Structure formats: C-alpha cells, structure tokens
Amino acid sequence: MRIATYNVEWFTNLFDDEGRLLHDQRWSGRLNVKRGEQLDALGIVFTALDADAVMVIEAPDDNRRRSGVIALQNFAVEYGLRARKALIGFSNDTQQEITLLYDPDVFEARHDPLSHPDAPRFDAAFEIDLDVDADLDLVQWSKPPNEVALRTKAGHELRLIGVHAKSKAPHGARNIHEQMRIAIENRRKQLAQCLWLRRRIDHHLAQGDNLIVLGDFNDGPGLDEYEKLFGRSSIEIVIGEGDQPRLFDPHARAALTQKLGAVPTTSRFRMGGDDNYLCALLDYVMVSPELLDHSPRWRIWHPFDNPVCYGTPELREALLTASDHFPVTIDLNL
C-alpha cells in the first residue's frame, strides 16, 4: 500500500468553475509555466506515484461556486489514475484546500473530525497563552487539517491527518522591524497550531490507533533563526517531546540529529534578487509506532536526489514543472 503527500502549487488555477481542466497555453500560477504544461506534468507525476491515496496540499478551491472534489476527480479521469475519488475536509477561504485523492477499490474513506475538551475540532478555535501575558489568545487554522478515517477492503483501519501549517514568512512587511514582528507572530501561531495538533495525536496514540500525519508544515529543525527564540521547531512538537510517545519520519529524524552536512529536502523555491533556488525540508509523512511493524519505506520524489527520478528524464522534468514541492510517499505492508 502506498500513501503520499503532495503540495501542488496553485492547483486551483488549472480548472474552471465547473471543474473542467484548463489545458491551454495561458499562464498558470507557476513562474514561466503554462496551464497545459503543468497539467501534463502533474499527470506524469501522479501516474508515476501510482499511490493508493494522496493527501493533496493546496488542492483546488472549494466554495459555493466551485467544487474542488469535482475538479480533482476530473483530473484523475483525464490521466487515468487509480486514485480517482476525492474527499475534502473543512473547506477554507485561501483557495488552497486539503483533499484526499484515493482509490475506492482499496479504501473506504470518510471525513471524521474529532473534538476533545483540550483539543477542539480543527474548524473551531483553540485557547492558549501565546505571549505569556496570562491572557488566553484564540488560535484558528486558516487551513483546518483534514481528518480521515480509512478502512481497507481487508478490514485494516487507518487514521490520516492532512496538514498545511501556517507559513512563517513575513508577508506584507514594509521594513526590517515589521518583518521581525510578523515573523515572530507567525511563529507563535504556527507553534500553537502544532500544540493543538499534538493533543489530537496524543488521543489517537492513547487509543492505539494506526495514525499517519502528513503534509506541509512550512517548518523543520534548524530552518530559521527564530527557532532559537522559541527553543524548538513545530516538527519537534508534532513528533513528540520528552516522555511523549513519538511519531516517526526518517527525514525528520535525519534533520533533528544531523548537525552538520546534508539533510533531505522536499521543496525547491526560486529566490528573488539573484534568482538562486532555496531547497528545504517542509513535507513529512509521520507514523505511529504500531505502523513501524509493517515494513514502512519512505521516499522523497526529488528530481535530483532520488536516483530513479533523476534517471527518468520525463519524470525528472515533470517534477520540476508540476510544483515547487515534491511528493513524499510511504509504502506499508498492510
């Protein structure tokens, strides 16, 4: 069984309001990429993944005028994908949904949001003192995580939580002081979101659930200087700290333990000014301890770092054209 997470940059721009594919020569949301080019590249990538389920991050927009589910299902039909049924969680107003695309011949799936006294539903608000002033702040997700209950045809049950955590980038800053203030504010909110998420994880682990937490966390150990201010990254919170039961992701572990030298990366962004690229580890597939008994095998589908991707020119170029993130997969013997 293969489960993937894949952040597709501006996927929503590739469909009209009826969910039809815009396979033309107009520009997509990606720099110097036409809509038809991005669609064909995505078709190649999704076909190569051949995943039983893909948690699509930045999935097509879903609102009263548009159906992200119809858009994704039309995409799956157009490119002949096994994973052809879409399941959205709580829709949001950012034009970037979190939607599971899965093979209905392998899984039964339902959106199953939970709530506990110390961890409300992800479309609600979470009370926490963000700035240590003894006053509680209300934190909300701009993109509420997608909680999915999966059941295989053989009767195995899995819980998936698809995540797109808040970006720490100081968008809108007009000077260095605003940049610092907004970056610190965003870091506080992101850590609060991940504390909220960790409380949900604790409930699942206490019940012995087979849990996979996957998606784009916009964060990783040592990724920016503000981590020193707060003492930890959001990934460390989500994986578990101290005597908490741990989730496991080998790429996160490598980043946490590797003080010098190369670490895995899952994204490649064009930088302004000198037009260089920044590579970062942002996307993760974290599993509960029980799933380690099912021979898990992780892969980052990186066009340069993975030998199969690099050695397959059509796939390599498709990965570079399709998005600024690369898929991450886990194979499990279930």
Protein backbone atom coordinates (compact mmCIF):
# COMPACT_ATOMS: atom_id res chain seq x y z
CA MET A 1 0.00 0.00 0.00
CA ARG A 2 1.33 3.44 -0.92
CA ILE A 3 0.22 6.69 0.70
CA ALA A 4 1.57 10.06 -0.43
CA THR A 5 1.51 13.73 0.39
CA TYR A 6 1.98 16.26 -2.40
CA ASN A 7 1.77 20.05 -2.29
CA VAL A 8 0.76 21.23 -5.77
CA GLU A 9 1.43 24.92 -6.29
CA TRP A 10 -1.73 26.75 -7.42
CA PHE A 11 -3.56 23.59 -8.46
CA THR A 12 -6.81 25.59 -8.41
CA ASN A 13 -5.67 27.74 -11.37
CA LEU A 14 -5.82 24.70 -13.66
CA PHE A 15 -9.64 24.36 -13.55
CA ASP A 16 -12.65 26.47 -14.47
CA ASP A 17 -15.67 26.99 -12.20
CA GLU A 18 -17.25 23.75 -13.49
CA GLY A 19 -14.14 21.76 -12.59
CA ARG A 20 -13.04 21.30 -16.20
CA LEU A 21 -9.32 21.15 -16.93
CA LEU A 22 -7.88 24.31 -18.49
CA HIS A 23 -5.46 22.58 -20.81
CA ASP A 24 -4.29 25.63 -22.74
CA GLN A 25 -1.33 27.94 -23.29
CA ARG A 26 -2.27 30.59 -20.73
CA TRP A 27 -0.01 31.10 -17.73
CA SER A 28 -0.57 29.03 -14.61
CA GLY A 29 0.30 30.26 -11.13
CA ARG A 30 3.82 28.84 -11.55
CA LEU A 31 6.58 31.03 -12.93
CA ASN A 32 7.01 30.57 -16.70
CA VAL A 33 4.73 27.50 -16.79
CA LYS A 34 1.60 27.27 -18.96
CA ARG A 35 -1.55 25.63 -17.62
CA GLY A 36 -1.42 22.77 -20.11
CA GLU A 37 2.24 22.15 -19.31
CA GLN A 38 1.57 21.98 -15.58
CA LEU A 39 -1.42 19.66 -16.04
CA ASP A 40 0.55 17.24 -18.21
CA ALA A 41 3.47 17.33 -15.76
CA LEU A 42 1.11 16.56 -12.88
CA GLY A 43 -0.40 13.73 -14.89
CA ILE A 44 3.07 12.19 -15.29
CA VAL A 45 3.90 12.61 -11.60
CA PHE A 46 0.60 11.21 -10.27
CA THR A 47 0.82 8.29 -12.72
CA ALA A 48 4.38 7.50 -11.61
CA LEU A 49 3.37 7.69 -7.94
CA ASP A 50 0.62 5.12 -8.54
CA ALA A 51 -0.46 5.75 -4.94
CA ASP A 52 -3.47 4.23 -3.24
CA ALA A 53 -4.08 7.60 -1.58
CA VAL A 54 -2.59 11.08 -1.99
CA MET A 55 -3.14 13.86 0.51
CA VAL A 56 -3.16 16.81 -1.87
CA ILE A 57 -1.99 20.02 -0.22
CA GLU A 58 -3.07 23.23 -1.98
CA ALA A 59 -5.81 21.23 -3.71
CA PRO A 60 -8.34 23.05 -5.97
CA ASP A 61 -10.57 25.63 -4.32
CA ASP A 62 -13.94 24.54 -2.93
CA ASN A 63 -16.74 27.04 -2.31
CA ARG A 64 -20.32 27.82 -3.34
CA ARG A 65 -19.24 28.48 -6.93
CA ARG A 66 -16.61 25.78 -7.37
CA SER A 67 -16.19 22.14 -6.36
CA GLY A 68 -12.64 21.10 -5.60
CA VAL A 69 -13.83 17.50 -5.40
CA ILE A 70 -15.21 17.55 -8.95
CA ALA A 71 -12.03 19.23 -10.21
CA LEU A 72 -9.74 16.59 -8.72
CA GLN A 73 -11.94 13.73 -9.86
CA ASN A 74 -11.97 15.14 -13.40
CA PHE A 75 -8.18 15.35 -13.25
CA ALA A 76 -7.98 11.70 -12.16
CA VAL A 77 -10.23 10.58 -15.01
CA GLU A 78 -8.31 12.62 -17.60
CA TYR A 79 -5.00 10.98 -16.66
CA GLY A 80 -6.34 7.51 -15.85
CA LEU A 81 -5.41 7.44 -12.17
CA ARG A 82 -6.40 4.65 -9.79
CA ALA A 83 -6.75 7.22 -7.03
CA ARG A 84 -9.85 8.77 -8.55
CA LYS A 85 -12.20 9.63 -5.68
CA ALA A 86 -11.73 12.87 -3.74
CA LEU A 87 -12.56 13.60 -0.10
CA ILE A 88 -12.31 17.13 1.22
CA GLY A 89 -12.25 18.13 4.87
CA PHE A 90 -13.28 21.58 6.06
CA SER A 91 -13.01 23.96 3.11
CA ASN A 92 -11.27 27.30 3.65
CA ASP A 93 -11.07 30.72 2.03
CA THR A 94 -7.41 30.58 0.90
CA GLN A 95 -8.02 28.79 -2.44
CA GLN A 96 -5.76 26.03 -1.11
CA GLU A 97 -7.73 23.05 0.19
CA ILE A 98 -6.52 19.84 1.82
CA THR A 99 -8.12 16.98 -0.12
CA LEU A 100 -7.53 13.24 -0.16
CA LEU A 101 -7.48 11.59 -3.59
CA TYR A 102 -7.82 7.83 -3.13
CA ASP A 103 -8.57 4.51 -4.83
CA PRO A 104 -12.11 3.43 -3.85
CA ASP A 105 -11.23 -0.15 -4.80
CA VAL A 106 -8.68 -0.18 -1.96
CA PHE A 107 -10.23 2.04 0.73
CA GLU A 108 -13.46 3.21 2.22
CA ALA A 109 -12.87 6.77 3.41
CA ARG A 110 -14.79 9.38 5.34
CA HIS A 111 -14.06 12.82 6.76
CA ASP A 112 -14.13 12.20 10.51
CA PRO A 113 -13.31 15.35 12.52
CA LEU A 114 -12.88 14.78 16.24
CA SER A 115 -13.16 17.05 19.28
CA HIS A 116 -11.88 16.77 22.84
CA PRO A 117 -12.05 19.23 25.74
CA ASP A 118 -8.35 20.05 25.38
CA ALA A 119 -8.31 19.82 21.56
CA PRO A 120 -11.46 21.11 19.81
CA ARG A 121 -12.37 20.42 16.20
CA PHE A 122 -9.94 21.94 13.76
CA ASP A 123 -12.59 24.30 12.35
CA ALA A 124 -13.05 25.80 15.82
CA ALA A 125 -10.73 27.94 17.95
CA PHE A 126 -8.01 26.89 20.38
CA GLU A 127 -7.31 28.86 23.55
CA ILE A 128 -3.67 29.28 24.51
CA ASP A 129 -1.47 31.96 26.01
CA LEU A 130 0.78 32.79 23.07
CA ASP A 131 2.80 35.61 24.58
CA VAL A 132 2.96 34.57 28.25
CA ASP A 133 0.91 37.54 29.48
CA ALA A 134 -1.60 35.41 31.46
CA ASP A 135 -4.33 36.19 28.89
CA LEU A 136 -5.63 33.45 26.63
CA ASP A 137 -5.39 34.01 22.87
CA LEU A 138 -7.68 32.38 20.31
CA VAL A 139 -5.87 30.47 17.57
CA GLN A 140 -7.53 29.21 14.39
CA TRP A 141 -6.34 27.25 11.39
CA SER A 142 -6.52 29.12 8.09
CA LYS A 143 -6.47 25.63 6.53
CA PRO A 144 -8.06 23.20 9.02
CA PRO A 145 -6.39 19.77 8.92
CA ASN A 146 -8.27 17.04 7.08
CA GLU A 147 -9.02 14.14 9.46
CA VAL A 148 -9.78 10.97 7.52
CA ALA A 149 -10.86 7.52 8.69
CA LEU A 150 -9.69 4.87 6.22
CA ARG A 151 -10.71 1.24 6.12
CA THR A 152 -9.11 -1.19 3.70
CA LYS A 153 -11.09 -3.92 1.97
CA ALA A 154 -9.24 -6.38 4.23
CA GLY A 155 -10.57 -4.55 7.30
CA HIS A 156 -7.44 -2.64 8.37
CA GLU A 157 -8.21 0.79 9.83
CA LEU A 158 -6.02 3.87 9.47
CA ARG A 159 -6.34 7.46 10.62
CA LEU A 160 -4.88 10.17 8.40
CA ILE A 161 -4.45 13.82 9.36
CA GLY A 162 -3.56 16.03 6.39
CA VAL A 163 -1.83 19.24 7.47
CA HIS A 164 -0.87 22.56 5.90
CA ALA A 165 0.58 24.59 8.77
CA LYS A 166 0.79 28.37 8.66
CA SER A 167 3.67 29.87 6.76
CA LYS A 168 6.19 31.78 8.87
CA ALA A 169 7.05 34.15 6.02
CA PRO A 170 6.52 37.81 6.98
CA HIS A 171 4.22 38.70 4.08
CA GLY A 172 3.27 42.38 3.95
CA ALA A 173 6.25 43.64 5.94
CA ARG A 174 7.38 47.11 4.85
CA ASN A 175 10.65 47.26 6.76
CA ILE A 176 13.00 45.13 8.85
CA HIS A 177 11.14 45.87 12.11
CA GLU A 178 7.77 44.80 10.68
CA GLN A 179 9.44 41.77 9.15
CA MET A 180 10.69 40.68 12.57
CA ARG A 181 7.37 41.38 14.32
CA ILE A 182 5.28 39.50 11.75
CA ALA A 183 7.73 36.58 11.61
CA ILE A 184 7.61 36.19 15.41
CA GLU A 185 3.79 36.46 15.41
CA ASN A 186 3.52 33.83 12.70
CA ARG A 187 5.95 31.55 14.52
CA ARG A 188 3.83 31.80 17.69
CA LYS A 189 0.66 30.94 15.78
CA GLN A 190 2.31 28.04 13.99
CA LEU A 191 3.63 26.56 17.23
CA ALA A 192 0.17 26.95 18.79
CA GLN A 193 -1.43 25.14 15.85
CA CYS A 194 1.04 22.30 16.23
CA LEU A 195 0.45 22.07 20.00
CA TRP A 196 -3.25 21.75 19.19
CA LEU A 197 -2.47 19.08 16.60
CA ARG A 198 -0.20 17.24 19.07
CA ARG A 199 -3.06 17.00 21.56
CA ARG A 200 -5.16 15.27 18.91
CA ILE A 201 -2.23 12.95 18.18
CA ASP A 202 -1.95 12.10 21.89
CA HIS A 203 -5.58 10.97 21.95
CA HIS A 204 -5.04 8.70 18.93
CA LEU A 205 -1.85 7.21 20.34
CA ALA A 206 -3.52 6.58 23.70
CA GLN A 207 -6.19 4.57 21.87
CA GLY A 208 -3.62 2.61 19.87
CA ASP A 209 -4.82 3.96 16.51
CA ASN A 210 -2.77 3.41 13.37
CA LEU A 211 -2.06 7.06 12.62
CA ILE A 212 -0.36 8.89 9.75
CA VAL A 213 0.17 12.66 9.99
CA LEU A 214 1.26 14.05 6.65
CA GLY A 215 1.51 17.29 4.72
CA ASP A 216 3.37 20.59 4.50
CA PHE A 217 4.45 22.03 7.84
CA ASN A 218 6.35 25.04 6.48
CA ASP A 219 8.93 24.22 9.11
CA GLY A 220 11.75 21.92 10.04
CA PRO A 221 14.59 21.68 12.57
CA GLY A 222 17.10 24.49 12.14
CA LEU A 223 15.15 26.10 9.28
CA ASP A 224 15.30 29.68 10.57
CA GLU A 225 16.80 31.86 13.29
CA TYR A 226 13.51 32.23 15.20
CA GLU A 227 13.70 28.60 16.29
CA LYS A 228 16.38 29.67 18.81
CA LEU A 229 13.99 32.25 20.25
CA PHE A 230 11.28 29.65 20.88
CA GLY A 231 13.57 26.73 21.62
CA ARG A 232 12.09 24.21 19.18
CA SER A 233 10.53 23.72 15.79
CA SER A 234 6.90 22.78 15.21
CA ILE A 235 8.07 19.42 13.84
CA GLU A 236 9.58 18.55 17.23
CA ILE A 237 6.24 19.36 18.87
CA VAL A 238 4.26 17.19 16.45
CA ILE A 239 6.64 14.22 16.57
CA GLY A 240 6.69 14.28 20.36
CA GLU A 241 8.97 15.55 23.11
CA GLY A 242 10.22 14.31 26.46
CA ASP A 243 8.40 11.16 27.57
CA GLN A 244 5.60 11.54 24.99
CA PRO A 245 5.07 8.62 22.60
CA ARG A 246 6.74 9.52 19.31
CA LEU A 247 5.70 9.61 15.71
CA PHE A 248 8.40 8.60 13.25
CA ASP A 249 9.61 10.06 9.96
CA PRO A 250 13.17 9.21 8.88
CA HIS A 251 13.67 12.53 7.12
CA ALA A 252 12.63 14.50 10.20
CA ARG A 253 14.89 12.32 12.30
CA ALA A 254 17.82 12.99 9.99
CA ALA A 255 17.23 16.74 10.23
CA LEU A 256 16.95 16.58 14.03
CA THR A 257 20.11 14.56 14.52
CA GLN A 258 22.31 15.85 11.67
CA LYS A 259 24.14 18.91 12.97
CA LEU A 260 26.50 19.18 10.01
CA GLY A 261 26.21 18.04 6.41
CA ALA A 262 23.33 17.43 4.03
CA VAL A 263 19.73 16.75 5.05
CA PRO A 264 16.83 15.62 2.85
CA THR A 265 14.75 18.28 1.08
CA THR A 266 11.22 18.21 -0.33
CA SER A 267 10.89 21.64 -1.95
CA ARG A 268 12.75 23.97 -4.29
CA PHE A 269 11.83 27.66 -4.39
CA ARG A 270 13.03 30.39 -6.74
CA MET A 271 14.51 33.23 -4.71
CA GLY A 272 14.26 36.91 -5.61
CA GLY A 273 17.17 39.15 -6.42
CA ASP A 274 19.92 36.78 -7.55
CA ASP A 275 17.46 34.15 -8.88
CA ASN A 276 19.00 31.32 -6.86
CA TYR A 277 16.99 28.40 -5.53
CA LEU A 278 16.31 27.57 -1.88
CA CYS A 279 15.79 23.91 -1.01
CA ALA A 280 14.09 22.95 2.26
CA LEU A 281 12.58 20.01 4.12
CA LEU A 282 8.92 21.02 4.59
CA ASP A 283 6.84 17.93 3.78
CA TYR A 284 6.56 14.92 6.06
CA VAL A 285 4.83 11.56 6.48
CA MET A 286 4.89 10.74 10.21
CA VAL A 287 3.60 7.40 11.50
CA SER A 288 2.55 5.99 14.86
CA PRO A 289 4.75 3.32 16.50
CA GLU A 290 2.45 0.41 15.53
CA LEU A 291 2.95 1.12 11.82
CA LEU A 292 6.70 0.57 12.15
CA ASP A 293 5.87 -3.14 12.34
CA HIS A 294 4.53 -3.05 8.75
CA SER A 295 7.84 -2.60 6.90
CA PRO A 296 7.43 1.11 6.08
CA ARG A 297 9.55 2.52 3.25
CA TRP A 298 9.72 6.27 2.68
CA ARG A 299 10.72 8.09 -0.50
CA ILE A 300 11.06 11.74 -1.42
CA TRP A 301 10.42 12.02 -5.16
CA HIS A 302 13.18 14.56 -5.63
CA PRO A 303 14.20 15.11 -9.27
CA PHE A 304 17.90 15.42 -8.40
CA ASP A 305 18.36 13.46 -5.16
CA ASN A 306 16.39 10.31 -5.97
CA PRO A 307 18.23 8.06 -8.49
CA VAL A 308 15.04 6.75 -10.12
CA CYS A 309 13.58 10.23 -10.57
CA TYR A 310 16.85 11.66 -11.86
CA GLY A 311 17.42 8.70 -14.17
CA THR A 312 13.97 9.05 -15.77
CA PRO A 313 14.17 12.29 -17.80
CA GLU A 314 10.41 12.59 -18.42
CA LEU A 315 9.65 12.22 -14.70
CA ARG A 316 12.52 14.48 -13.67
CA GLU A 317 11.31 17.32 -15.88
CA ALA A 318 7.68 16.75 -14.85
CA LEU A 319 8.57 17.06 -11.16
CA LEU A 320 10.29 20.39 -11.84
CA THR A 321 7.35 21.70 -13.89
CA ALA A 322 4.49 20.43 -11.74
CA SER A 323 5.16 22.18 -8.42
CA ASP A 324 7.71 23.79 -6.12
CA HIS A 325 7.26 20.81 -3.76
CA PHE A 326 7.99 17.15 -4.43
CA PRO A 327 5.84 14.21 -3.33
CA VAL A 328 6.69 12.13 -0.28
CA THR A 329 5.46 8.53 -0.16
CA ILE A 330 5.33 5.72 2.33
CA ASP A 331 4.85 2.07 1.36
CA LEU A 332 3.32 -0.20 4.00
CA ASN A 333 2.65 -3.92 4.07
CA LEU A 334 -1.00 -3.91 5.14
